[in-house]
Amino acid sequence: MTAIDPELSAAHQRPSHPSSGRPRALDVVNAYVGLMKPRIIELLLLTTVPVMFLAAEGVPGLGVVLATLVGGTLSAGSANALNCVFDADIDQQMRRTRRRPLPRHAVTTRSALVFGLVLGVVSTLWLGFLVNWLSAGLALAANVFYVVGYTMLLKRRTSQNIVWGGAAGCFPALIGWTAVTGELAWPPVVLFLVVFFWTPPHFWALAIRYREDYAAADVPMLPSIAPATVVARKIVAYSYAMVLTSLVLWPLTPTGWFYPTAAVVLGAAFLVEAHRLQARARISSELSVLKPMRLFHWSNAYLALLFVAAAIDPFLR
C-alpha cells in the first residue's frame, strides 16, 4: 500500500457515460467504489497493520489480519460514503471534488445513503464475529464520529473542524492493537495521538493549496479564513507535538534501537519541511511560493514510514 494524495484522487476520476445512455455494470461498480474513497482507506489501513505487528511483537495471525483489513475497509468505506452524501453540495461547488460519484450523478443520493448504512452494519458485524467486539465498537465509534462529529457538526461551523474531526482517522491504531490483544493499552493510545497531531499539518497543507475552493464552498477551513503566516505557525506547532509524541512510544513499549532512531530522523525531516513552509509564508502568501504540497506529500511518507518502523522494530531486538 502506498500513501497517495486522497483529496486529489476524486478530481481525476473520469465521467462514465456510455454512448447507449445506460450505465454499464462496471461504471456502476466504479461509482460505488468511488463513494468509499479507496485511496483514503489505503492510508488508514497503513496505520492499522503495523500496529498489529507491534502488538504481537512479531507476526500476527494471518486470519486476524485479513479479517481486520476487510472489516476496516468496509467501516471506513461506510464513513466515506456517508460523508459523500452529506457533503454533496460542497463537492458540487469545489473544482477538485466535482468528479465524485454524487456530483456527477453516477449514483443517486438515496442509493449512496443506503450503501453507506449497509456497509456500516456489515463491517460492525464482521469485526464483531470474526475479530472481537471491542474492535467492532471502536470501528463503529470512528464511523459515527466522522459522519456526525466532523461532517455534520464541525466541518461547516469552525476552523477547528479538522483538528477535532480528524480524530476519527486515529482509530485504526486502536483497532489494530485490540484486534490482536483484545484490550487497549498505552502504546496504541500514543500512536492514536501521533495521528491526531499529524492530521492538522497534513490537511492544512492541502487546504492551503485549495483554500479558494473551500472559500467558494463557504467551508471555514483554517487556510481559507486565516493568513498564511498564522496557518504556517500552527502547522509548525502541531508538527512539534507530533514528533514529541512519537518519541513517547519508546519508553512505553519494549522497542529496540530501530524505532526511536527512525522517529528522530523522520521527525527532524518533517520539522525542517514545516519550518521551510513557515519561512516561505513570511515572504509571500502566494500559493506558488508556499509550495504546500511538498509538506503534504512528505506527511504521507512520514506517517507510513513511522508506522512501518514500529512494525519492523520487534524483528530487530
Protein backbone atom coordinates (compact mmCIF):
# COMPACT_ATOMS: atom_id res chain seq x y z
CA MET A 1 0.00 0.00 0.00
CA THR A 2 1.19 3.48 -0.77
CA ALA A 3 0.29 6.83 0.70
CA ILE A 4 -1.44 8.67 -2.09
CA ASP A 5 -2.98 12.13 -2.24
CA PRO A 6 -6.54 11.17 -1.24
CA GLU A 7 -8.08 14.58 -1.80
CA LEU A 8 -6.79 14.87 -5.33
CA SER A 9 -7.88 11.41 -6.41
CA ALA A 10 -11.53 12.32 -6.96
CA ALA A 11 -10.58 15.21 -9.17
CA HIS A 12 -9.04 12.81 -11.69
CA GLN A 13 -12.00 10.46 -11.99
CA ARG A 14 -13.40 10.44 -15.49
CA PRO A 15 -17.13 10.52 -16.10
CA SER A 16 -18.59 7.28 -17.35
CA HIS A 17 -21.37 7.97 -19.84
CA PRO A 18 -21.57 5.21 -22.46
CA SER A 19 -22.97 6.18 -25.82
CA SER A 20 -26.02 3.96 -25.18
CA GLY A 21 -27.17 6.28 -22.39
CA ARG A 22 -27.36 3.39 -19.90
CA PRO A 23 -24.56 2.92 -17.37
CA ARG A 24 -22.52 -0.22 -17.74
CA ALA A 25 -22.19 -2.60 -14.80
CA LEU A 26 -18.52 -1.68 -14.46
CA ASP A 27 -19.39 2.02 -14.32
CA VAL A 28 -21.87 1.38 -11.53
CA VAL A 29 -19.33 -0.67 -9.57
CA ASN A 30 -16.69 2.04 -10.04
CA ALA A 31 -19.15 4.66 -8.81
CA TYR A 32 -19.85 2.77 -5.59
CA VAL A 33 -16.17 2.09 -5.07
CA GLY A 34 -15.57 5.80 -5.59
CA LEU A 35 -18.01 6.57 -2.78
CA MET A 36 -15.77 4.57 -0.43
CA LYS A 37 -12.73 6.74 -1.32
CA PRO A 38 -10.32 3.78 -1.53
CA ARG A 39 -7.18 5.91 -1.55
CA ILE A 40 -8.05 7.33 1.84
CA ILE A 41 -8.70 3.79 3.06
CA GLU A 42 -5.19 2.78 1.97
CA LEU A 43 -3.67 5.28 4.37
CA LEU A 44 -5.97 4.18 7.19
CA LEU A 45 -5.02 0.54 6.71
CA LEU A 46 -1.38 1.53 6.65
CA THR A 47 -1.78 2.69 10.25
CA THR A 48 -3.64 -0.50 11.21
CA VAL A 49 -1.43 -3.37 10.09
CA PRO A 50 1.90 -2.15 11.53
CA VAL A 51 0.26 -1.74 14.94
CA MET A 52 -0.83 -5.37 14.73
CA PHE A 53 2.80 -6.41 14.31
CA LEU A 54 3.78 -4.22 17.24
CA ALA A 55 1.03 -5.68 19.42
CA ALA A 56 2.02 -9.24 18.51
CA GLU A 57 5.73 -8.42 18.94
CA GLY A 58 6.21 -10.30 15.72
CA VAL A 59 3.93 -11.67 13.02
CA PRO A 60 0.22 -11.65 13.93
CA GLY A 61 -2.08 -14.42 12.72
CA LEU A 62 -2.90 -14.12 9.04
CA GLY A 63 -6.58 -14.77 9.69
CA VAL A 64 -6.99 -11.90 12.13
CA VAL A 65 -5.02 -9.56 9.85
CA LEU A 66 -7.24 -10.34 6.85
CA ALA A 67 -10.43 -10.11 8.91
CA THR A 68 -9.35 -6.76 10.35
CA LEU A 69 -8.40 -5.42 6.92
CA VAL A 70 -11.73 -6.40 5.40
CA GLY A 71 -13.71 -5.06 8.34
CA GLY A 72 -11.68 -1.87 8.45
CA THR A 73 -12.13 -1.33 4.73
CA LEU A 74 -15.89 -1.74 4.97
CA SER A 75 -16.14 0.52 8.02
CA ALA A 76 -14.03 3.29 6.51
CA GLY A 77 -15.91 2.89 3.22
CA SER A 78 -19.17 3.35 5.09
CA ALA A 79 -17.97 6.57 6.72
CA ASN A 80 -16.64 7.93 3.42
CA ALA A 81 -19.84 7.09 1.53
CA LEU A 82 -21.98 8.81 4.16
CA ASN A 83 -19.61 11.77 4.04
CA CYS A 84 -20.21 11.98 0.30
CA VAL A 85 -23.97 12.07 0.91
CA PHE A 86 -23.89 14.91 3.42
CA ASP A 87 -21.19 16.86 1.55
CA ALA A 88 -22.68 16.50 -1.93
CA ASP A 89 -23.49 20.20 -2.14
CA ILE A 90 -19.95 21.15 -1.16
CA ASP A 91 -18.43 18.64 -3.57
CA GLN A 92 -20.54 20.13 -6.37
CA GLN A 93 -19.00 23.58 -5.80
CA MET A 94 -15.35 22.58 -5.39
CA ARG A 95 -13.32 22.00 -8.50
CA ARG A 96 -11.30 19.11 -7.13
CA THR A 97 -14.38 17.17 -5.98
CA ARG A 98 -16.85 17.74 -8.80
CA ARG A 99 -15.98 14.38 -10.36
CA ARG A 100 -17.05 12.39 -7.31
CA PRO A 101 -19.99 10.00 -7.93
CA LEU A 102 -22.79 12.13 -6.45
CA PRO A 103 -21.93 15.47 -8.08
CA ARG A 104 -21.76 13.78 -11.48
CA HIS A 105 -24.98 11.85 -10.77
CA ALA A 106 -23.40 8.43 -11.20
CA VAL A 107 -25.27 7.29 -8.06
CA THR A 108 -28.48 8.61 -6.53
CA THR A 109 -28.40 10.16 -3.08
CA ARG A 110 -30.72 7.51 -1.68
CA SER A 111 -28.62 4.69 -3.09
CA ALA A 112 -25.44 6.19 -1.65
CA LEU A 113 -27.10 6.60 1.75
CA VAL A 114 -28.33 3.01 1.81
CA PHE A 115 -24.93 1.80 0.61
CA GLY A 116 -23.13 3.65 3.40
CA LEU A 117 -25.51 2.43 6.10
CA VAL A 118 -25.35 -1.18 4.92
CA LEU A 119 -21.56 -1.09 4.87
CA GLY A 120 -21.59 0.24 8.43
CA VAL A 121 -23.80 -2.58 9.69
CA VAL A 122 -21.90 -5.28 7.81
CA SER A 123 -18.50 -4.00 8.96
CA THR A 124 -19.59 -3.92 12.61
CA LEU A 125 -20.95 -7.46 12.50
CA TRP A 126 -17.93 -8.69 10.55
CA LEU A 127 -15.44 -7.29 13.04
CA GLY A 128 -17.54 -8.39 16.00
CA PHE A 129 -17.88 -12.03 14.96
CA LEU A 130 -14.53 -12.54 13.19
CA VAL A 131 -12.21 -10.30 15.26
CA ASN A 132 -13.71 -9.13 18.56
CA TRP A 133 -16.45 -6.81 19.73
CA LEU A 134 -14.05 -4.24 21.18
CA SER A 135 -12.52 -3.69 17.75
CA ALA A 136 -16.01 -3.61 16.22
CA GLY A 137 -17.12 -1.00 18.73
CA LEU A 138 -14.08 1.17 18.07
CA ALA A 139 -14.65 1.00 14.31
CA LEU A 140 -18.31 1.94 14.76
CA ALA A 141 -17.33 4.82 17.07
CA ALA A 142 -14.87 6.12 14.46
CA ASN A 143 -17.57 5.87 11.78
CA VAL A 144 -20.16 7.77 13.83
CA PHE A 145 -17.65 10.40 14.94
CA TYR A 146 -16.52 11.07 11.36
CA VAL A 147 -20.03 11.30 9.95
CA VAL A 148 -21.80 13.08 12.81
CA GLY A 149 -18.97 14.83 14.63
CA TYR A 150 -16.87 16.01 11.70
CA THR A 151 -19.11 16.01 8.62
CA MET A 152 -22.41 17.13 10.13
CA LEU A 153 -21.37 19.27 13.12
CA LEU A 154 -17.83 20.62 12.78
CA LYS A 155 -16.87 20.96 9.13
CA ARG A 156 -19.15 23.87 8.25
CA ARG A 157 -19.05 25.62 11.62
CA THR A 158 -15.47 26.03 12.86
CA SER A 159 -11.92 26.37 11.62
CA GLN A 160 -11.02 23.71 14.20
CA ASN A 161 -13.03 21.20 12.16
CA ILE A 162 -10.12 19.05 11.06
CA VAL A 163 -8.37 19.26 14.44
CA TRP A 164 -11.15 17.53 16.34
CA GLY A 165 -12.94 15.86 13.47
CA GLY A 166 -9.68 14.32 12.31
CA ALA A 167 -9.66 12.17 15.46
CA ALA A 168 -11.82 9.69 13.56
CA GLY A 169 -8.81 8.83 11.42
CA CYS A 170 -6.79 7.96 14.52
CA PHE A 171 -8.90 4.95 15.49
CA PRO A 172 -7.12 2.42 13.21
CA ALA A 173 -4.18 2.42 15.66
CA LEU A 174 -6.53 1.35 18.45
CA ILE A 175 -8.36 -1.16 16.26
CA GLY A 176 -5.14 -2.81 15.06
CA TRP A 177 -3.94 -3.27 18.66
CA THR A 178 -7.24 -4.57 20.06
CA ALA A 179 -7.65 -6.95 17.12
CA VAL A 180 -4.51 -8.76 18.31
CA THR A 181 -4.65 -8.35 22.07
CA GLY A 182 -8.36 -7.92 22.77
CA GLU A 183 -7.69 -4.96 25.05
CA LEU A 184 -6.50 -1.37 25.00
CA ALA A 185 -3.09 -0.24 26.28
CA TRP A 186 -0.91 2.86 26.29
CA PRO A 187 1.14 2.12 23.11
CA PRO A 188 -1.84 2.35 20.72
CA VAL A 189 -3.07 5.44 22.58
CA VAL A 190 0.29 7.08 21.88
CA LEU A 191 0.04 6.16 18.20
CA PHE A 192 -3.53 7.47 18.20
CA LEU A 193 -2.17 10.81 19.42
CA VAL A 194 0.61 10.78 16.82
CA VAL A 195 -2.01 10.61 14.07
CA PHE A 196 -4.11 13.21 15.90
CA PHE A 197 -1.28 15.76 15.88
CA TRP A 198 -0.24 14.71 12.37
CA THR A 199 -3.66 15.42 10.85
CA PRO A 200 -3.71 19.27 11.03
CA PRO A 201 -0.29 19.79 9.35
CA HIS A 202 -1.18 17.16 6.77
CA PHE A 203 -4.61 18.53 5.92
CA TRP A 204 -3.87 22.22 6.31
CA ALA A 205 -1.01 21.89 3.82
CA LEU A 206 -3.53 20.51 1.33
CA ALA A 207 -6.09 23.15 2.27
CA ILE A 208 -3.57 25.93 1.58
CA ARG A 209 -3.36 24.65 -1.97
CA TYR A 210 -7.16 24.56 -2.30
CA ARG A 211 -8.18 27.39 0.00
CA GLU A 212 -10.07 29.18 -2.76
CA ASP A 213 -12.20 26.05 -3.20
CA TYR A 214 -13.06 25.99 0.49
CA ALA A 215 -13.83 29.70 0.47
CA ALA A 216 -16.14 29.28 -2.52
CA ALA A 217 -17.97 26.46 -0.75
CA ASP A 218 -18.18 28.52 2.47
CA VAL A 219 -16.28 25.90 4.47
CA PRO A 220 -14.22 27.59 7.23
CA MET A 221 -11.10 25.52 6.75
CA LEU A 222 -8.33 27.41 8.53
CA PRO A 223 -6.25 28.29 5.41
CA SER A 224 -9.34 29.81 3.76
CA ILE A 225 -10.04 32.26 6.62
CA ALA A 226 -6.63 32.93 8.20
CA PRO A 227 -3.39 34.47 6.86
CA ALA A 228 -0.77 32.06 5.59
CA THR A 229 1.58 33.07 8.41
CA VAL A 230 -0.98 32.02 11.03
CA VAL A 231 -1.60 28.69 9.33
CA ALA A 232 2.12 28.03 8.98
CA ARG A 233 2.72 28.81 12.65
CA LYS A 234 0.02 26.35 13.70
CA ILE A 235 1.42 23.72 11.33
CA VAL A 236 4.82 24.04 12.99
CA ALA A 237 3.29 23.82 16.48
CA TYR A 238 1.34 20.66 15.69
CA SER A 239 4.39 19.19 13.97
CA TYR A 240 6.44 19.54 17.15
CA ALA A 241 3.63 17.98 19.18
CA MET A 242 3.51 15.08 16.73
CA VAL A 243 7.25 14.41 16.80
CA LEU A 244 7.49 14.61 20.60
CA THR A 245 4.51 12.27 20.95
CA SER A 246 6.08 9.76 18.58
CA LEU A 247 9.10 9.54 20.90
CA VAL A 248 6.89 8.70 23.88
CA LEU A 249 6.27 5.26 22.37
CA TRP A 250 9.88 4.30 23.06
CA PRO A 251 9.71 4.15 26.89
CA LEU A 252 6.16 2.76 26.90
CA THR A 253 6.87 -0.15 24.56
CA PRO A 254 9.83 -2.51 24.67
CA THR A 255 11.19 -1.17 21.41
CA GLY A 256 14.79 -1.57 20.41
CA TRP A 257 17.04 0.98 18.74
CA PHE A 258 15.33 0.99 15.33
CA TYR A 259 12.03 2.72 16.12
CA PRO A 260 13.40 5.65 18.17
CA THR A 261 16.12 6.23 15.57
CA ALA A 262 13.57 6.26 12.78
CA ALA A 263 11.26 8.53 14.80
CA VAL A 264 14.05 11.06 15.36
CA VAL A 265 15.22 11.07 11.74
CA LEU A 266 11.74 11.19 10.22
CA GLY A 267 10.59 13.78 12.75
CA ALA A 268 13.57 16.02 12.10
CA ALA A 269 12.91 15.89 8.36
CA PHE A 270 9.24 16.73 8.93
CA LEU A 271 10.12 19.71 11.14
CA VAL A 272 12.59 21.01 8.56
CA GLU A 273 9.90 20.95 5.88
CA ALA A 274 7.36 22.59 8.23
CA HIS A 275 9.80 25.39 9.03
CA ARG A 276 10.52 25.85 5.33
CA LEU A 277 6.81 26.34 4.73
CA GLN A 278 6.70 28.87 7.55
CA ALA A 279 9.68 30.75 6.13
CA ARG A 280 8.04 30.91 2.70
CA ALA A 281 4.78 32.12 4.29
CA ARG A 282 6.62 35.04 5.88
CA ILE A 283 7.87 36.10 2.46
CA SER A 284 4.66 35.75 0.48
CA SER A 285 1.18 34.26 0.70
CA GLU A 286 1.19 33.33 -2.99
CA LEU A 287 0.45 29.63 -3.45
CA SER A 288 3.28 29.17 -5.92
CA VAL A 289 5.74 30.45 -3.31
CA LEU A 290 4.36 28.48 -0.35
CA LYS A 291 4.68 25.09 -2.09
CA PRO A 292 2.35 23.43 0.47
CA MET A 293 2.10 20.18 -1.46
CA ARG A 294 5.71 19.41 -0.59
CA LEU A 295 4.75 19.16 3.06
CA PHE A 296 1.51 17.34 2.23
CA HIS A 297 3.25 14.58 0.27
CA TRP A 298 6.03 14.31 2.84
CA SER A 299 3.42 13.97 5.59
CA ASN A 300 2.05 10.87 3.85
CA ALA A 301 5.53 9.38 3.64
CA TYR A 302 6.30 10.32 7.25
CA LEU A 303 3.28 8.54 8.69
CA ALA A 304 3.77 5.44 6.56
CA LEU A 305 7.47 5.13 7.37
CA LEU A 306 6.98 5.79 11.10
CA PHE A 307 4.37 3.05 11.44
CA VAL A 308 6.41 0.64 9.33
CA ALA A 309 9.35 1.33 11.65
CA ALA A 310 7.15 0.39 14.62
CA ALA A 311 6.25 -2.87 12.85
CA ILE A 312 9.86 -3.72 11.94
CA ASP A 313 11.33 -2.95 15.37
CA PRO A 314 10.23 -6.21 17.07
CA PHE A 315 12.22 -8.22 14.50
CA LEU A 316 15.44 -6.33 15.22
CA ARG A 317 15.57 -6.59 19.01
